[in-house]
N, C-alpha and C. Protein backbone atom coordinates (compact mmCIF):
# COMPACT_ATOMS: atom_id res chain seq x y z
N MET A 1 -94.63 -10.43 128.70
CA MET A 1 -95.90 -9.96 129.20
C MET A 1 -96.48 -8.97 128.19
N THR A 2 -97.73 -9.13 127.83
CA THR A 2 -98.38 -8.24 126.88
C THR A 2 -99.07 -7.12 127.62
N LEU A 3 -99.45 -6.09 126.89
CA LEU A 3 -100.18 -4.99 127.50
C LEU A 3 -101.47 -5.46 128.13
N SER A 4 -102.11 -6.43 127.51
CA SER A 4 -103.40 -6.88 128.04
C SER A 4 -103.24 -7.60 129.37
N GLU A 5 -102.05 -8.16 129.62
CA GLU A 5 -101.84 -8.83 130.90
C GLU A 5 -101.59 -7.84 132.03
N THR A 6 -101.27 -6.59 131.67
CA THR A 6 -100.94 -5.63 132.71
C THR A 6 -102.08 -4.69 133.06
N SER A 7 -103.18 -4.76 132.34
CA SER A 7 -104.28 -3.87 132.65
C SER A 7 -105.61 -4.52 132.32
N THR A 8 -106.62 -3.99 132.93
CA THR A 8 -107.98 -4.43 132.61
C THR A 8 -108.72 -3.26 131.99
N ALA A 9 -109.87 -3.52 131.43
CA ALA A 9 -110.66 -2.43 130.84
C ALA A 9 -110.96 -1.37 131.90
N LYS A 10 -111.24 -1.80 133.13
CA LYS A 10 -111.53 -0.85 134.21
C LYS A 10 -110.30 -0.02 134.54
N ASP A 11 -109.10 -0.65 134.55
CA ASP A 11 -107.86 0.08 134.78
C ASP A 11 -107.62 1.12 133.69
N ARG A 12 -107.88 0.72 132.42
CA ARG A 12 -107.68 1.66 131.32
C ARG A 12 -108.60 2.85 131.45
N LEU A 13 -109.86 2.61 131.84
CA LEU A 13 -110.82 3.70 132.01
C LEU A 13 -110.38 4.62 133.14
N ALA A 14 -109.96 4.06 134.26
CA ALA A 14 -109.52 4.87 135.39
C ALA A 14 -108.29 5.69 135.02
N ALA A 15 -107.34 5.09 134.31
CA ALA A 15 -106.15 5.82 133.89
C ALA A 15 -106.52 6.93 132.92
N ASN A 16 -107.45 6.66 132.05
CA ASN A 16 -107.89 7.66 131.08
C ASN A 16 -108.51 8.85 131.78
N GLU A 17 -109.33 8.61 132.79
CA GLU A 17 -110.00 9.69 133.50
C GLU A 17 -109.00 10.58 134.22
N SER A 18 -107.86 10.02 134.66
CA SER A 18 -106.91 10.82 135.42
C SER A 18 -105.71 11.27 134.62
N SER A 19 -105.63 10.92 133.33
CA SER A 19 -104.42 11.22 132.57
C SER A 19 -104.47 12.52 131.81
N GLY A 20 -105.57 13.24 131.86
CA GLY A 20 -105.65 14.51 131.16
C GLY A 20 -106.35 14.41 129.82
N PHE A 21 -106.67 13.21 129.35
CA PHE A 21 -107.38 13.07 128.09
C PHE A 21 -108.83 13.47 128.22
N ASP A 22 -109.27 13.68 129.45
CA ASP A 22 -110.67 14.00 129.69
C ASP A 22 -110.91 15.51 129.75
N ARG A 23 -109.88 16.30 129.43
CA ARG A 23 -110.07 17.74 129.50
C ARG A 23 -110.71 18.26 128.21
N LEU A 24 -111.17 19.48 128.27
CA LEU A 24 -111.84 20.09 127.13
C LEU A 24 -110.90 20.29 125.96
N LEU A 25 -111.47 20.22 124.76
CA LEU A 25 -110.74 20.64 123.57
C LEU A 25 -110.71 22.15 123.58
N GLU A 26 -109.60 22.71 123.19
CA GLU A 26 -109.54 24.16 123.08
C GLU A 26 -109.78 24.55 121.64
N VAL A 27 -110.62 25.54 121.44
CA VAL A 27 -110.87 26.02 120.09
C VAL A 27 -109.72 26.94 119.74
N ASP A 28 -108.93 26.56 118.74
CA ASP A 28 -107.74 27.30 118.37
C ASP A 28 -107.80 27.67 116.90
N MET A 29 -107.87 28.95 116.62
CA MET A 29 -107.88 29.47 115.26
C MET A 29 -108.99 28.83 114.42
N GLY A 30 -110.12 28.56 115.03
CA GLY A 30 -111.27 28.04 114.29
C GLY A 30 -111.13 26.59 113.88
N GLN A 31 -110.09 25.89 114.36
CA GLN A 31 -109.86 24.52 113.94
C GLN A 31 -111.03 23.61 114.28
N ASN A 32 -111.73 23.90 115.37
CA ASN A 32 -112.82 23.02 115.79
C ASN A 32 -114.18 23.59 115.41
N ARG A 33 -114.22 24.54 114.49
CA ARG A 33 -115.49 25.10 114.04
C ARG A 33 -116.35 23.97 113.49
N GLY A 34 -117.58 23.91 113.91
CA GLY A 34 -118.48 22.87 113.46
C GLY A 34 -118.46 21.64 114.34
N ASN A 35 -117.54 21.58 115.27
CA ASN A 35 -117.46 20.45 116.19
C ASN A 35 -118.77 20.39 116.97
N PRO A 36 -119.44 19.25 117.01
CA PRO A 36 -120.72 19.17 117.70
C PRO A 36 -120.62 19.42 119.19
N CYS A 37 -119.41 19.43 119.73
CA CYS A 37 -119.24 19.60 121.17
C CYS A 37 -118.87 21.02 121.55
N THR A 38 -118.60 21.90 120.59
CA THR A 38 -118.25 23.27 120.91
C THR A 38 -119.43 24.18 120.61
N GLY A 39 -119.41 25.32 121.23
CA GLY A 39 -120.45 26.31 120.97
C GLY A 39 -121.79 25.96 121.59
N LEU A 40 -121.81 25.05 122.55
CA LEU A 40 -123.07 24.66 123.17
C LEU A 40 -123.46 25.59 124.31
N GLY A 41 -122.53 26.48 124.69
CA GLY A 41 -122.82 27.39 125.78
C GLY A 41 -122.75 26.73 127.14
N ILE A 42 -122.17 25.55 127.20
CA ILE A 42 -122.02 24.85 128.48
C ILE A 42 -120.58 24.38 128.61
N THR A 43 -120.15 24.24 129.83
CA THR A 43 -118.81 23.73 130.08
C THR A 43 -118.91 22.25 130.40
N THR A 44 -118.20 21.44 129.59
CA THR A 44 -118.21 20.00 129.81
C THR A 44 -116.78 19.52 129.92
N ARG A 45 -116.61 18.31 130.34
CA ARG A 45 -115.29 17.70 130.39
C ARG A 45 -115.15 16.73 129.25
N GLY A 46 -115.44 17.16 128.05
CA GLY A 46 -115.36 16.30 126.88
C GLY A 46 -116.74 15.86 126.47
N CYS A 47 -117.04 16.04 125.22
CA CYS A 47 -118.35 15.69 124.70
C CYS A 47 -118.31 14.24 124.21
N GLU A 48 -119.29 13.46 124.60
CA GLU A 48 -119.34 12.07 124.17
C GLU A 48 -119.96 11.98 122.78
N MET A 49 -119.29 11.24 121.92
CA MET A 49 -119.76 11.05 120.55
C MET A 49 -120.08 9.57 120.38
N HIS A 50 -121.07 9.26 119.55
CA HIS A 50 -121.45 7.89 119.27
C HIS A 50 -121.22 7.62 117.80
N GLY A 51 -120.47 6.56 117.47
CA GLY A 51 -120.19 6.28 116.07
C GLY A 51 -119.35 5.05 115.87
N THR A 52 -118.54 5.09 114.80
CA THR A 52 -117.76 3.94 114.36
C THR A 52 -116.28 4.28 114.30
N LEU A 53 -115.46 3.41 114.85
CA LEU A 53 -114.01 3.54 114.77
C LEU A 53 -113.53 2.57 113.70
N ASP A 54 -112.90 3.11 112.66
CA ASP A 54 -112.45 2.32 111.52
C ASP A 54 -110.93 2.45 111.43
N ILE A 55 -110.23 1.31 111.37
CA ILE A 55 -108.76 1.31 111.32
C ILE A 55 -108.33 0.46 110.14
N ARG A 56 -107.44 1.02 109.32
CA ARG A 56 -106.94 0.30 108.15
C ARG A 56 -105.42 0.38 108.11
N LYS A 57 -104.81 -0.73 107.79
CA LYS A 57 -103.37 -0.77 107.61
C LYS A 57 -103.05 -0.21 106.23
N ASN A 58 -102.09 0.70 106.17
CA ASN A 58 -101.69 1.30 104.91
C ASN A 58 -100.50 0.51 104.36
N ALA A 59 -100.79 -0.45 103.51
CA ALA A 59 -99.76 -1.34 102.98
C ALA A 59 -99.02 -0.73 101.80
N ALA A 60 -99.49 0.37 101.26
CA ALA A 60 -98.91 0.94 100.04
C ALA A 60 -97.61 1.71 100.29
N LEU A 61 -97.29 2.00 101.53
CA LEU A 61 -96.11 2.82 101.79
C LEU A 61 -94.80 2.09 101.52
N GLY A 62 -94.72 0.82 101.77
CA GLY A 62 -93.52 0.03 101.50
C GLY A 62 -92.30 0.42 102.30
N SER A 63 -92.47 1.12 103.40
CA SER A 63 -91.32 1.57 104.20
C SER A 63 -90.85 0.53 105.21
N GLY A 64 -91.57 -0.55 105.34
CA GLY A 64 -91.19 -1.56 106.33
C GLY A 64 -91.82 -1.31 107.70
N VAL A 65 -92.34 -0.12 107.92
CA VAL A 65 -93.02 0.22 109.16
C VAL A 65 -94.51 0.28 108.86
N ASP A 66 -95.30 -0.46 109.62
CA ASP A 66 -96.75 -0.46 109.41
C ASP A 66 -97.33 0.87 109.89
N ILE A 67 -98.07 1.51 109.01
CA ILE A 67 -98.79 2.75 109.33
C ILE A 67 -100.28 2.46 109.21
N TYR A 68 -101.03 2.95 110.17
CA TYR A 68 -102.47 2.70 110.22
C TYR A 68 -103.24 4.01 110.07
N GLN A 69 -104.28 3.99 109.26
CA GLN A 69 -105.19 5.11 109.11
C GLN A 69 -106.34 4.88 110.10
N VAL A 70 -106.56 5.83 110.98
CA VAL A 70 -107.58 5.71 112.01
C VAL A 70 -108.63 6.79 111.78
N ARG A 71 -109.90 6.39 111.79
CA ARG A 71 -110.99 7.35 111.60
C ARG A 71 -112.14 6.98 112.52
N TYR A 72 -112.59 7.95 113.27
CA TYR A 72 -113.79 7.80 114.09
C TYR A 72 -114.84 8.73 113.52
N GLU A 73 -115.99 8.19 113.14
CA GLU A 73 -117.06 9.01 112.58
C GLU A 73 -118.31 8.85 113.43
N ASP A 74 -118.89 10.00 113.85
CA ASP A 74 -120.10 9.92 114.65
C ASP A 74 -121.32 9.81 113.74
N LEU A 75 -122.48 9.65 114.34
CA LEU A 75 -123.71 9.43 113.59
C LEU A 75 -124.10 10.61 112.71
N ALA A 76 -123.62 11.82 113.05
CA ALA A 76 -123.94 13.01 112.26
C ALA A 76 -122.94 13.23 111.11
N GLY A 77 -121.91 12.39 111.03
CA GLY A 77 -120.92 12.53 109.97
C GLY A 77 -119.68 13.29 110.36
N ASN A 78 -119.62 13.84 111.57
CA ASN A 78 -118.41 14.48 112.06
C ASN A 78 -117.38 13.40 112.36
N SER A 79 -116.10 13.72 112.16
CA SER A 79 -115.11 12.67 112.37
C SER A 79 -113.80 13.21 112.90
N PHE A 80 -113.00 12.31 113.40
CA PHE A 80 -111.62 12.55 113.78
C PHE A 80 -110.81 11.53 112.99
N ALA A 81 -109.68 11.97 112.43
CA ALA A 81 -108.88 11.05 111.62
C ALA A 81 -107.39 11.35 111.80
N GLY A 82 -106.59 10.33 111.51
CA GLY A 82 -105.14 10.50 111.57
C GLY A 82 -104.44 9.22 111.22
N SER A 83 -103.12 9.31 111.14
CA SER A 83 -102.27 8.15 110.86
C SER A 83 -101.36 7.92 112.06
N MET A 84 -101.03 6.66 112.31
CA MET A 84 -100.11 6.34 113.40
C MET A 84 -99.46 4.99 113.16
N ASN A 85 -98.34 4.79 113.83
CA ASN A 85 -97.65 3.50 113.72
C ASN A 85 -98.31 2.49 114.66
N GLY A 86 -97.86 1.26 114.59
CA GLY A 86 -98.46 0.19 115.38
C GLY A 86 -98.37 0.41 116.88
N ASP A 87 -97.24 0.95 117.35
CA ASP A 87 -97.09 1.20 118.79
C ASP A 87 -98.06 2.27 119.27
N ASP A 88 -98.20 3.35 118.48
CA ASP A 88 -99.13 4.41 118.86
C ASP A 88 -100.58 3.92 118.79
N LEU A 89 -100.87 3.08 117.81
CA LEU A 89 -102.22 2.53 117.69
C LEU A 89 -102.53 1.63 118.89
N ARG A 90 -101.57 0.84 119.27
CA ARG A 90 -101.75 -0.03 120.44
C ARG A 90 -102.02 0.81 121.69
N GLU A 91 -101.28 1.90 121.85
CA GLU A 91 -101.47 2.81 122.97
C GLU A 91 -102.87 3.42 122.93
N LEU A 92 -103.33 3.81 121.73
CA LEU A 92 -104.66 4.36 121.56
C LEU A 92 -105.73 3.37 122.00
N LEU A 93 -105.65 2.16 121.49
CA LEU A 93 -106.68 1.16 121.77
C LEU A 93 -106.66 0.67 123.22
N TYR A 94 -105.48 0.50 123.77
CA TYR A 94 -105.37 -0.09 125.10
C TYR A 94 -105.46 0.91 126.24
N HIS A 95 -105.04 2.15 125.99
CA HIS A 95 -104.94 3.09 127.11
C HIS A 95 -105.70 4.39 126.94
N LYS A 96 -105.74 4.95 125.74
CA LYS A 96 -106.33 6.27 125.58
C LYS A 96 -107.84 6.24 125.39
N LEU A 97 -108.34 5.23 124.72
CA LEU A 97 -109.79 5.11 124.54
C LEU A 97 -110.35 4.10 125.53
N ALA A 98 -111.47 4.41 126.08
CA ALA A 98 -112.12 3.51 127.03
C ALA A 98 -113.10 2.62 126.26
N LEU A 99 -112.56 1.74 125.44
CA LEU A 99 -113.41 0.86 124.64
C LEU A 99 -114.08 -0.17 125.53
N PRO A 100 -115.33 -0.49 125.25
CA PRO A 100 -116.07 -1.44 126.08
C PRO A 100 -115.73 -2.89 125.74
N LEU A 101 -114.44 -3.22 125.84
CA LEU A 101 -113.96 -4.56 125.50
C LEU A 101 -113.08 -5.10 126.61
N THR A 102 -113.06 -6.41 126.73
CA THR A 102 -112.12 -7.03 127.67
C THR A 102 -110.73 -7.02 127.05
N ASP A 103 -109.73 -7.26 127.86
CA ASP A 103 -108.36 -7.32 127.35
C ASP A 103 -108.20 -8.44 126.32
N ASP A 104 -108.84 -9.58 126.56
CA ASP A 104 -108.76 -10.68 125.60
C ASP A 104 -109.38 -10.30 124.26
N GLU A 105 -110.53 -9.61 124.31
CA GLU A 105 -111.18 -9.17 123.07
C GLU A 105 -110.29 -8.17 122.32
N LEU A 106 -109.69 -7.24 123.06
CA LEU A 106 -108.79 -6.27 122.43
C LEU A 106 -107.59 -6.97 121.79
N GLU A 107 -107.02 -7.92 122.49
CA GLU A 107 -105.86 -8.65 121.97
C GLU A 107 -106.22 -9.41 120.69
N MET A 108 -107.38 -10.06 120.67
CA MET A 108 -107.82 -10.78 119.47
C MET A 108 -108.09 -9.82 118.32
N ASP A 109 -108.73 -8.68 118.62
CA ASP A 109 -109.01 -7.70 117.58
C ASP A 109 -107.73 -7.09 117.01
N PHE A 110 -106.77 -6.79 117.87
CA PHE A 110 -105.51 -6.21 117.40
C PHE A 110 -104.76 -7.22 116.53
N ALA A 111 -104.74 -8.47 116.93
CA ALA A 111 -104.10 -9.51 116.13
C ALA A 111 -104.78 -9.65 114.76
N ARG A 112 -106.10 -9.56 114.73
CA ARG A 112 -106.85 -9.63 113.47
C ARG A 112 -106.51 -8.43 112.59
N LEU A 113 -106.37 -7.25 113.19
CA LEU A 113 -106.00 -6.06 112.44
C LEU A 113 -104.63 -6.24 111.78
N VAL A 114 -103.67 -6.72 112.52
CA VAL A 114 -102.33 -6.94 111.98
C VAL A 114 -102.37 -7.97 110.85
N ARG A 115 -103.15 -9.01 111.04
CA ARG A 115 -103.25 -10.10 110.06
C ARG A 115 -104.04 -9.70 108.82
N GLU A 116 -105.20 -9.07 108.99
CA GLU A 116 -106.11 -8.80 107.88
C GLU A 116 -106.02 -7.37 107.34
N GLY A 117 -105.48 -6.45 108.12
CA GLY A 117 -105.31 -5.09 107.66
C GLY A 117 -106.49 -4.16 107.85
N HIS A 118 -107.55 -4.62 108.50
CA HIS A 118 -108.73 -3.77 108.70
C HIS A 118 -109.45 -4.20 109.97
N LEU A 119 -109.94 -3.20 110.71
CA LEU A 119 -110.69 -3.46 111.93
C LEU A 119 -111.72 -2.35 112.10
N ARG A 120 -112.91 -2.74 112.52
CA ARG A 120 -113.99 -1.77 112.68
C ARG A 120 -114.72 -2.04 113.99
N PHE A 121 -114.87 -0.99 114.79
CA PHE A 121 -115.66 -1.05 116.01
C PHE A 121 -116.92 -0.23 115.77
N GLU A 122 -118.06 -0.87 115.73
CA GLU A 122 -119.33 -0.20 115.45
C GLU A 122 -120.01 0.22 116.74
N GLU A 123 -120.77 1.29 116.65
CA GLU A 123 -121.63 1.75 117.74
C GLU A 123 -120.90 1.86 119.07
N ILE A 124 -119.81 2.63 119.08
CA ILE A 124 -119.10 2.87 120.33
C ILE A 124 -119.19 4.35 120.67
N ALA A 125 -119.06 4.64 121.94
CA ALA A 125 -119.08 6.03 122.42
C ALA A 125 -117.70 6.38 122.95
N VAL A 126 -117.18 7.51 122.49
CA VAL A 126 -115.90 8.02 122.98
C VAL A 126 -116.05 9.53 123.16
N LYS A 127 -115.16 10.11 123.93
CA LYS A 127 -115.17 11.55 124.12
C LYS A 127 -114.27 12.20 123.08
N ASP A 128 -114.69 13.35 122.61
CA ASP A 128 -113.89 14.08 121.63
C ASP A 128 -112.50 14.37 122.17
N SER A 129 -112.39 14.61 123.45
CA SER A 129 -111.08 14.91 124.04
C SER A 129 -110.16 13.70 124.01
N GLU A 130 -110.72 12.49 124.09
CA GLU A 130 -109.90 11.28 123.97
C GLU A 130 -109.32 11.18 122.57
N LEU A 131 -110.13 11.48 121.57
CA LEU A 131 -109.68 11.40 120.18
C LEU A 131 -108.64 12.47 119.88
N ALA A 132 -108.91 13.70 120.31
CA ALA A 132 -107.96 14.79 120.08
C ALA A 132 -106.67 14.55 120.86
N GLY A 133 -106.79 14.02 122.07
CA GLY A 133 -105.61 13.73 122.89
C GLY A 133 -104.74 12.64 122.29
N ALA A 134 -105.32 11.83 121.44
CA ALA A 134 -104.56 10.76 120.78
C ALA A 134 -103.93 11.24 119.48
N GLY A 135 -104.11 12.52 119.16
CA GLY A 135 -103.50 13.08 117.97
C GLY A 135 -104.37 13.03 116.72
N LEU A 136 -105.62 12.63 116.85
CA LEU A 136 -106.51 12.61 115.69
C LEU A 136 -107.08 14.02 115.49
N ARG A 137 -107.24 14.41 114.25
CA ARG A 137 -107.73 15.75 113.91
C ARG A 137 -109.22 15.71 113.60
N TYR A 138 -109.91 16.77 114.05
CA TYR A 138 -111.35 16.89 113.82
C TYR A 138 -111.62 17.26 112.37
N ARG A 139 -112.61 16.60 111.79
CA ARG A 139 -113.06 16.91 110.42
C ARG A 139 -114.57 17.08 110.46
N GLU A 140 -115.00 18.22 109.96
CA GLU A 140 -116.42 18.55 109.95
C GLU A 140 -117.17 17.70 108.93
N ALA A 141 -118.43 17.40 109.23
CA ALA A 141 -119.27 16.64 108.31
C ALA A 141 -119.47 17.42 107.04
N ASP A 142 -119.56 16.72 105.91
CA ASP A 142 -119.84 17.36 104.62
C ASP A 142 -121.26 17.90 104.64
N ALA A 143 -121.42 19.09 104.11
CA ALA A 143 -122.74 19.73 104.11
C ALA A 143 -123.65 19.12 103.07
């Protein structure tokens, strides 16, 4: 049984809303300075960002374990980035992010990523707390 057989996009969204990924990012030692969602003077449950999710397989490591570079960049150039193994990436795509895709679409896209080494989701909206909760680090836009 695959992950896609055990959940639907609606189930993933519901689990995401109740799993704690929807909580606020905490500003710690200025790490989130420049984050478009902080310093607004309002309390939110995660700021929604609109942009592109870009995933690349890092084939240069030669360790036998596939490592993926994940980067989400919003329209203003702010981004979240990080590296993760295939299992963590699968968890990110299937459970932590509420991507507007069916399970079949996700399964086909993940298979294409493994086969071709690159996958891009254009014009998607995610919450900053979902990205930070998945272990991706915030990077401020270049001035």
